[in-house]
Amino acid sequence: MTHTAVIAGVGPGLGESLARRFVEEGCSVGLFARSSAYLDDLAADLGERALAVPTDVSDQAQVARGFAEVREAFGPVDVLVNHASAAPWRGTLDISGEAFREALAVGAEGALYCSQEAVRDMLDGEGGTVVFTGATTSRRGREGAIGFSAAKFAARGMAESMARELGPEGIHVAHVVIDGQILTPGAREQGDRRTETFLDPDEIAREYWHLIEQDRSTWTLELDLRPHVESF
């Protein structure tokens, strides 16, 4: 079965790995991010199945336009990855109200706007899959990251609520806890010996694809990914 996917929040690392994996599996993919230059280069590299759609997911009107572009190019959306986040690494007394609101606007409101657009297509079609990218802070708060933690807690709650609401309608909603550091291109370039304990973004992307292909009888609500035990 071919799919039309939207990845909301594409950048070097996991976002790019997801895009590459989905295209390799035969999907047509809309790539959402604020930076047009990076998206254009990635879409050109991925070929005709990828579409760069510069989008600020915290802006509902931009999200609506972005989905309209994807539908025009590839048809209705049946796979969504809510991957965008804003990470002001500030503590309780240091974070500004503006930075806190941005974290929630991107991580929670943006996920809502994208989910609303995608779910409408899925309900009109044959169902689909919505995946939320979570983090260690989805389960336990992190010191000095109150905005990021709040947004990730919110997204996890959204995923659980949506799963129960939309599962009976044939829509699989899953939340992925990435409990560790991802091996980004920057980390590779640094040559840090600790990178051997990082999570490989290509392998994470493989697990996301498995969620999309799961049989309805064995849907996963939450997937916990972490490095091997010796690295803890």
Protein backbone atom coordinates (compact mmCIF):
# COMPACT_ATOMS: atom_id res chain seq x y z
CA MET A 1 0.00 0.00 0.00
CA THR A 2 1.33 3.43 -0.92
CA HIS A 3 1.09 6.25 1.60
CA THR A 4 1.10 10.03 1.63
CA ALA A 5 2.96 11.24 4.70
CA VAL A 6 3.64 14.55 6.36
CA ILE A 7 6.64 14.89 8.64
CA ALA A 8 6.15 18.03 10.72
CA GLY A 9 9.55 19.21 11.89
CA VAL A 10 12.27 18.01 9.50
CA GLY A 11 15.92 18.71 10.17
CA PRO A 12 19.31 16.97 10.08
CA GLY A 13 19.13 13.84 12.19
CA LEU A 14 15.93 11.93 12.87
CA GLY A 15 13.65 14.12 10.74
CA GLU A 16 15.80 13.52 7.69
CA SER A 17 16.14 9.81 8.45
CA LEU A 18 12.35 9.50 8.66
CA ALA A 19 11.96 11.24 5.30
CA ARG A 20 14.52 8.99 3.65
CA ARG A 21 13.01 5.83 5.12
CA PHE A 22 9.49 6.76 4.06
CA VAL A 23 10.56 7.56 0.51
CA GLU A 24 12.52 4.28 0.33
CA GLU A 25 9.33 2.47 1.33
CA GLY A 26 7.43 4.09 -1.53
CA CYS A 27 5.72 6.93 0.33
CA SER A 28 5.15 10.40 -1.01
CA VAL A 29 6.28 12.80 1.72
CA GLY A 30 5.54 16.41 2.60
CA LEU A 31 8.44 17.94 4.50
CA PHE A 32 7.47 20.66 6.99
CA ALA A 33 9.95 22.98 8.70
CA ARG A 34 10.58 26.69 9.05
CA SER A 35 13.83 26.66 7.07
CA SER A 36 13.19 26.60 3.33
CA ALA A 37 16.84 26.29 2.24
CA TYR A 38 17.42 23.00 4.04
CA LEU A 39 14.06 21.56 2.94
CA ASP A 40 14.66 22.45 -0.70
CA ASP A 41 18.02 20.68 -0.71
CA LEU A 42 16.62 17.60 1.02
CA ALA A 43 13.60 17.37 -1.27
CA ALA A 44 15.83 17.68 -4.34
CA ASP A 45 18.00 14.86 -3.01
CA LEU A 46 15.00 12.63 -2.25
CA GLY A 47 13.41 13.12 -5.67
CA GLU A 48 9.90 13.45 -6.99
CA ARG A 49 8.27 11.72 -4.02
CA ALA A 50 9.32 14.51 -1.65
CA LEU A 51 7.86 18.01 -1.41
CA ALA A 52 9.43 20.86 0.57
CA VAL A 53 6.72 22.85 2.35
CA PRO A 54 8.18 25.65 4.51
CA THR A 55 5.72 25.81 7.41
CA ASP A 56 5.59 27.23 10.91
CA VAL A 57 3.45 24.56 12.58
CA SER A 58 2.47 26.95 15.37
CA ASP A 59 0.53 28.97 12.76
CA GLN A 60 -2.76 27.22 11.99
CA ALA A 61 -3.19 29.01 8.66
CA GLN A 62 0.28 27.95 7.51
CA VAL A 63 -0.45 24.35 8.50
CA ALA A 64 -3.69 24.39 6.49
CA ARG A 65 -1.86 25.76 3.45
CA GLY A 66 0.90 23.20 3.86
CA PHE A 67 -1.51 20.28 3.91
CA ALA A 68 -3.32 21.71 0.89
CA GLU A 69 -0.02 21.72 -1.02
CA VAL A 70 0.67 18.11 -0.07
CA ARG A 71 -2.84 17.00 -1.08
CA GLU A 72 -2.54 18.77 -4.41
CA ALA A 73 0.78 17.06 -5.13
CA PHE A 74 0.19 13.60 -3.71
CA GLY A 75 -3.40 13.17 -2.52
CA PRO A 76 -4.95 12.77 0.96
CA VAL A 77 -2.61 12.28 3.90
CA ASP A 78 -2.70 8.96 5.76
CA VAL A 79 0.55 9.19 7.76
CA LEU A 80 1.59 12.03 10.06
CA VAL A 81 4.66 12.35 12.25
CA ASN A 82 4.44 15.15 14.83
CA HIS A 83 8.15 15.75 15.23
CA ALA A 84 8.47 19.53 15.67
CA SER A 85 9.61 21.01 18.96
CA ALA A 86 11.04 24.18 20.44
CA ALA A 87 13.57 23.75 23.22
CA PRO A 88 14.33 26.79 25.36
CA TRP A 89 16.76 25.27 27.86
CA ARG A 90 15.76 27.46 30.76
CA GLY A 91 14.72 26.78 34.33
CA THR A 92 11.80 28.03 36.37
CA LEU A 93 13.13 31.53 37.09
CA ASP A 94 15.04 31.98 33.84
CA ILE A 95 12.47 31.18 31.17
CA SER A 96 10.43 34.01 29.75
CA GLY A 97 6.71 33.80 29.17
CA GLU A 98 7.36 34.19 25.45
CA ALA A 99 9.79 31.26 25.34
CA PHE A 100 7.43 29.08 27.37
CA ARG A 101 4.52 29.90 25.07
CA GLU A 102 6.67 29.12 22.01
CA ALA A 103 7.51 25.67 23.37
CA LEU A 104 3.83 24.90 23.83
CA ALA A 105 2.86 26.53 20.53
CA VAL A 106 5.26 24.38 18.52
CA GLY A 107 5.20 21.14 20.49
CA ALA A 108 1.53 20.98 21.48
CA GLU A 109 -0.52 23.42 19.42
CA GLY A 110 1.44 22.60 16.27
CA ALA A 111 0.80 18.91 16.81
CA LEU A 112 -2.90 19.64 17.25
CA TYR A 113 -3.15 21.67 14.04
CA CYS A 114 -1.28 19.04 12.02
CA SER A 115 -3.31 16.22 13.55
CA GLN A 116 -6.59 17.93 12.80
CA GLU A 117 -5.67 18.30 9.14
CA ALA A 118 -4.38 14.75 8.78
CA VAL A 119 -7.16 13.07 10.76
CA ARG A 120 -9.82 14.64 8.54
CA ASP A 121 -8.20 12.91 5.56
CA MET A 122 -7.89 9.64 7.45
CA LEU A 123 -11.55 9.65 8.52
CA ASP A 124 -12.61 10.26 4.91
CA GLY A 125 -10.33 7.49 3.70
CA GLU A 126 -9.26 4.12 5.06
CA GLY A 127 -7.69 5.22 8.31
CA GLY A 128 -4.04 6.00 8.89
CA THR A 129 -1.26 6.52 11.40
CA VAL A 130 -0.26 9.45 13.61
CA VAL A 131 3.07 9.22 15.45
CA PHE A 132 4.27 11.64 18.12
CA THR A 133 7.98 11.99 18.79
CA GLY A 134 8.52 12.08 22.53
CA ALA A 135 11.59 12.20 24.73
CA THR A 136 12.81 11.25 28.18
CA THR A 137 11.05 14.41 29.36
CA SER A 138 7.73 13.02 28.15
CA ARG A 139 7.75 10.90 31.33
CA ARG A 140 9.86 12.78 33.83
CA GLY A 141 10.74 16.44 33.94
CA ARG A 142 14.24 17.62 33.20
CA GLU A 143 16.02 20.20 35.30
CA GLY A 144 16.54 23.42 33.41
CA ALA A 145 14.08 22.57 30.63
CA ILE A 146 10.68 23.50 32.01
CA GLY A 147 9.23 24.64 28.67
CA PHE A 148 10.44 21.61 26.72
CA SER A 149 9.24 19.25 29.47
CA ALA A 150 5.81 20.87 29.60
CA ALA A 151 5.40 20.59 25.83
CA LYS A 152 6.48 16.95 25.74
CA PHE A 153 4.15 16.04 28.62
CA ALA A 154 1.32 17.75 26.72
CA ALA A 155 2.09 15.89 23.50
CA ARG A 156 2.12 12.55 25.29
CA GLY A 157 -1.29 13.27 26.78
CA MET A 158 -2.59 14.27 23.37
CA ALA A 159 -1.35 11.02 21.85
CA GLU A 160 -3.01 8.90 24.52
CA SER A 161 -6.30 10.77 24.20
CA MET A 162 -6.28 10.59 20.41
CA ALA A 163 -5.45 6.88 20.45
CA ARG A 164 -8.55 6.10 22.47
CA GLU A 165 -10.74 8.45 20.48
CA LEU A 166 -9.57 7.52 17.00
CA GLY A 167 -8.57 3.87 17.32
CA PRO A 168 -12.12 2.65 16.74
CA GLU A 169 -12.15 4.75 13.56
CA GLY A 170 -9.16 2.89 12.13
CA ILE A 171 -6.54 5.47 13.02
CA HIS A 172 -3.44 4.24 14.83
CA VAL A 173 -1.97 6.86 17.18
CA ALA A 174 1.38 6.07 18.79
CA HIS A 175 3.84 7.92 21.00
CA VAL A 176 7.58 7.20 20.79
CA VAL A 177 9.76 7.88 23.82
CA ILE A 178 13.30 8.50 22.62
CA ASP A 179 15.10 7.92 25.90
CA GLY A 180 18.61 8.96 24.97
CA GLN A 181 20.69 11.13 22.66
CA ILE A 182 20.32 10.85 18.91
CA LEU A 183 23.44 10.57 16.78
CA THR A 184 23.12 13.74 14.72
CA PRO A 185 25.55 14.76 11.96
CA GLY A 186 27.07 17.26 14.38
CA ALA A 187 27.75 14.57 16.96
CA ARG A 188 29.36 12.37 14.30
CA GLU A 189 31.66 15.21 13.21
CA GLN A 190 32.83 15.81 16.77
CA GLY A 191 34.07 12.23 16.98
CA ASP A 192 33.06 12.01 20.63
CA ARG A 193 33.71 8.51 21.98
CA ARG A 194 30.31 8.66 23.67
CA THR A 195 28.57 8.60 20.30
CA GLU A 196 28.73 4.81 20.39
CA THR A 197 26.02 4.96 23.05
CA PHE A 198 23.78 7.28 21.02
CA LEU A 199 20.66 6.18 19.17
CA ASP A 200 21.10 5.77 15.41
CA PRO A 201 18.44 7.92 13.65
CA ASP A 202 18.19 5.46 10.77
CA GLU A 203 17.33 2.67 13.20
CA ILE A 204 14.77 4.87 14.94
CA ALA A 205 13.21 5.57 11.54
CA ARG A 206 12.98 1.81 10.98
CA GLU A 207 10.92 1.52 14.19
CA TYR A 208 8.61 4.33 13.10
CA TRP A 209 7.98 2.51 9.84
CA HIS A 210 7.11 -0.63 11.77
CA LEU A 211 4.41 1.35 13.60
CA ILE A 212 2.91 2.35 10.26
CA GLU A 213 2.84 -1.23 9.02
CA GLN A 214 1.50 -2.82 12.21
CA ASP A 215 -1.59 -4.96 11.95
CA ARG A 216 -4.60 -3.41 13.66
CA SER A 217 -4.76 -6.37 16.08
CA THR A 218 -1.38 -5.44 17.59
CA TRP A 219 -1.16 -1.66 17.54
CA THR A 220 1.45 -0.09 19.81
CA LEU A 221 0.35 2.85 21.94
CA GLU A 222 3.80 3.75 23.26
CA LEU A 223 7.21 2.67 22.05
CA ASP A 224 10.24 3.18 24.30
CA LEU A 225 13.60 3.42 22.50
CA ARG A 226 16.86 3.65 24.40
CA PRO A 227 20.53 2.69 23.95
CA HIS A 228 21.89 -0.64 25.15
CA VAL A 229 22.02 -1.19 28.90
CA GLU A 230 25.82 -0.99 29.14
CA SER A 231 25.68 2.66 28.13
CA PHE A 232 23.64 3.74 31.17
